[in-house]
């Protein structure tokens, strides 16, 4: 449970920092590729079943910097997890 929370926090921090770096570098010559955004998902569509109307849709937008920071976070997770949870219950 604790490792799951650590992973979630690490992913959220990586995505936030990646988005920030992507925004800041999108206007710099030579680094604008880090801010290139890609959008994947399904546009919204309505399902009208006479009694109610359901609207479905899912879109995710991310930039290259976010992906880079996310990969770094996932690679660092095992070592960080060992550091954070080291010595839990061990006797010396």
C-alpha atoms as a PDB file:
ATOM      1  CA  UNK A   1       0.000   0.000   0.000  1.00  0.00           C
ATOM      2  CA  UNK A   2       2.761   2.423   0.960  1.00  0.00           C
ATOM      3  CA  UNK A   3       4.741   1.615  -2.170  1.00  0.00           C
ATOM      4  CA  UNK A   4       1.657   2.260  -4.278  1.00  0.00           C
ATOM      5  CA  UNK A   5       1.241   5.685  -2.714  1.00  0.00           C
ATOM      6  CA  UNK A   6       4.920   6.418  -3.310  1.00  0.00           C
ATOM      7  CA  UNK A   7       4.571   5.380  -6.960  1.00  0.00           C
ATOM      8  CA  UNK A   8       1.461   7.532  -7.389  1.00  0.00           C
ATOM      9  CA  UNK A   9       3.184  10.560  -5.822  1.00  0.00           C
ATOM     10  CA  UNK A  10       6.295  10.039  -7.943  1.00  0.00           C
ATOM     11  CA  UNK A  11       4.240   9.813 -11.144  1.00  0.00           C
ATOM     12  CA  UNK A  12       2.219  12.928 -10.285  1.00  0.00           C
ATOM     13  CA  UNK A  13       5.369  14.921  -9.488  1.00  0.00           C
ATOM     14  CA  UNK A  14       7.058  13.734 -12.692  1.00  0.00           C
ATOM     15  CA  UNK A  15       4.060  14.692 -14.839  1.00  0.00           C
ATOM     16  CA  UNK A  16       3.784  18.099 -13.163  1.00  0.00           C
ATOM     17  CA  UNK A  17       7.485  18.890 -13.575  1.00  0.00           C
ATOM     18  CA  UNK A  18       7.441  17.544 -17.139  1.00  0.00           C
ATOM     19  CA  UNK A  19       4.498  19.780 -18.053  1.00  0.00           C
ATOM     20  CA  UNK A  20       6.248  22.758 -16.486  1.00  0.00           C
ATOM     21  CA  UNK A  21       9.486  22.063 -18.375  1.00  0.00           C
ATOM     22  CA  UNK A  22       7.516  21.508 -21.580  1.00  0.00           C
ATOM     23  CA  UNK A  23       5.766  24.857 -21.219  1.00  0.00           C
ATOM     24  CA  UNK A  24       8.957  26.720 -20.359  1.00  0.00           C
ATOM     25  CA  UNK A  25      10.980  25.240 -23.216  1.00  0.00           C
ATOM     26  CA  UNK A  26       8.284  25.498 -25.905  1.00  0.00           C
ATOM     27  CA  UNK A  27       9.518  28.961 -26.912  1.00  0.00           C
ATOM     28  CA  UNK A  28      13.262  28.315 -26.661  1.00  0.00           C
ATOM     29  CA  UNK A  29      15.047  27.687 -29.962  1.00  0.00           C
ATOM     30  CA  UNK A  30      16.476  24.188 -30.069  1.00  0.00           C
ATOM     31  CA  UNK A  31      14.372  22.939 -27.155  1.00  0.00           C
ATOM     32  CA  UNK A  32      10.886  23.569 -28.498  1.00  0.00           C
ATOM     33  CA  UNK A  33      10.532  19.851 -29.281  1.00  0.00           C
ATOM     34  CA  UNK A  34      10.240  19.177 -25.523  1.00  0.00           C
ATOM     35  CA  UNK A  35       6.983  21.116 -25.479  1.00  0.00           C
ATOM     36  CA  UNK A  36       5.448  19.333 -28.456  1.00  0.00           C
ATOM     37  CA  UNK A  37       2.049  18.153 -27.325  1.00  0.00           C
ATOM     38  CA  UNK A  38       0.207  15.066 -28.437  1.00  0.00           C
ATOM     39  CA  UNK A  39      -3.389  14.276 -27.758  1.00  0.00           C
ATOM     40  CA  UNK A  40      -4.872  10.808 -27.695  1.00  0.00           C
ATOM     41  CA  UNK A  41      -8.340   9.680 -26.844  1.00  0.00           C
ATOM     42  CA  UNK A  42     -11.922   9.622 -27.960  1.00  0.00           C
ATOM     43  CA  UNK A  43     -13.913  12.763 -28.665  1.00  0.00           C
ATOM     44  CA  UNK A  44     -17.121  13.199 -26.776  1.00  0.00           C
ATOM     45  CA  UNK A  45     -20.171  11.489 -28.137  1.00  0.00           C
ATOM     46  CA  UNK A  46     -23.739  11.342 -26.901  1.00  0.00           C
ATOM     47  CA  UNK A  47     -25.828   8.264 -26.330  1.00  0.00           C
ATOM     48  CA  UNK A  48     -29.481   9.276 -26.349  1.00  0.00           C
ATOM     49  CA  UNK A  49     -31.694   6.535 -24.909  1.00  0.00           C
ATOM     50  CA  UNK A  50     -34.818   8.700 -24.734  1.00  0.00           C
ATOM     51  CA  UNK A  51     -34.928   8.622 -20.932  1.00  0.00           C
ATOM     52  CA  UNK A  52     -31.505  10.192 -20.533  1.00  0.00           C
ATOM     53  CA  UNK A  53     -28.531  11.325 -22.552  1.00  0.00           C
ATOM     54  CA  UNK A  54     -25.128   9.926 -21.675  1.00  0.00           C
ATOM     55  CA  UNK A  55     -22.003  11.701 -22.820  1.00  0.00           C
ATOM     56  CA  UNK A  56     -18.765   9.753 -23.122  1.00  0.00           C
ATOM     57  CA  UNK A  57     -15.277  10.950 -23.905  1.00  0.00           C
ATOM     58  CA  UNK A  58     -11.691  10.665 -22.806  1.00  0.00           C
ATOM     59  CA  UNK A  59      -8.749  12.720 -23.970  1.00  0.00           C
ATOM     60  CA  UNK A  60      -5.244  12.876 -22.631  1.00  0.00           C
ATOM     61  CA  UNK A  61      -2.726  15.460 -23.707  1.00  0.00           C
ATOM     62  CA  UNK A  62       0.928  15.060 -22.924  1.00  0.00           C
ATOM     63  CA  UNK A  63       4.229  16.448 -24.128  1.00  0.00           C
ATOM     64  CA  UNK A  64       7.607  14.868 -24.732  1.00  0.00           C
ATOM     65  CA  UNK A  65       9.079  16.375 -21.557  1.00  0.00           C
ATOM     66  CA  UNK A  66       6.369  14.683 -19.480  1.00  0.00           C
ATOM     67  CA  UNK A  67       7.178  11.313 -21.005  1.00  0.00           C
ATOM     68  CA  UNK A  68      10.903  11.790 -20.327  1.00  0.00           C
ATOM     69  CA  UNK A  69      10.311  12.752 -16.696  1.00  0.00           C
ATOM     70  CA  UNK A  70       7.852   9.874 -16.275  1.00  0.00           C
ATOM     71  CA  UNK A  71      10.428   7.370 -17.550  1.00  0.00           C
ATOM     72  CA  UNK A  72      13.053   8.827 -15.194  1.00  0.00           C
ATOM     73  CA  UNK A  73      10.617   8.515 -12.278  1.00  0.00           C
ATOM     74  CA  UNK A  74       9.809   4.900 -13.125  1.00  0.00           C
ATOM     75  CA  UNK A  75      13.497   4.044 -13.401  1.00  0.00           C
ATOM     76  CA  UNK A  76      14.244   5.710 -10.040  1.00  0.00           C
ATOM     77  CA  UNK A  77      11.304   4.138  -8.211  1.00  0.00           C
ATOM     78  CA  UNK A  78      12.969   0.858  -7.121  1.00  0.00           C
ATOM     79  CA  UNK A  79      15.992   2.616  -5.607  1.00  0.00           C
ATOM     80  CA  UNK A  80      13.872   5.317  -4.012  1.00  0.00           C
ATOM     81  CA  UNK A  81      11.544   2.695  -2.593  1.00  0.00           C
ATOM     82  CA  UNK A  82      14.477   0.869  -1.000  1.00  0.00           C
ATOM     83  CA  UNK A  83      15.721   4.129   0.522  1.00  0.00           C
ATOM     84  CA  UNK A  84      12.326   5.165   1.891  1.00  0.00           C
ATOM     85  CA  UNK A  85      11.316   1.778   3.267  1.00  0.00           C
ATOM     86  CA  UNK A  86      14.761   0.475   4.316  1.00  0.00           C
ATOM     87  CA  UNK A  87      15.107  -0.951   7.776  1.00  0.00           C
ATOM     88  CA  UNK A  88      11.406  -1.435   8.424  1.00  0.00           C
ATOM     89  CA  UNK A  89      11.388  -3.987  11.248  1.00  0.00           C
ATOM     90  CA  UNK A  90      14.960  -5.241  10.863  1.00  0.00           C
ATOM     91  CA  UNK A  91      16.998  -5.750  14.038  1.00  0.00           C
ATOM     92  CA  UNK A  92      20.722  -5.211  14.222  1.00  0.00           C
END
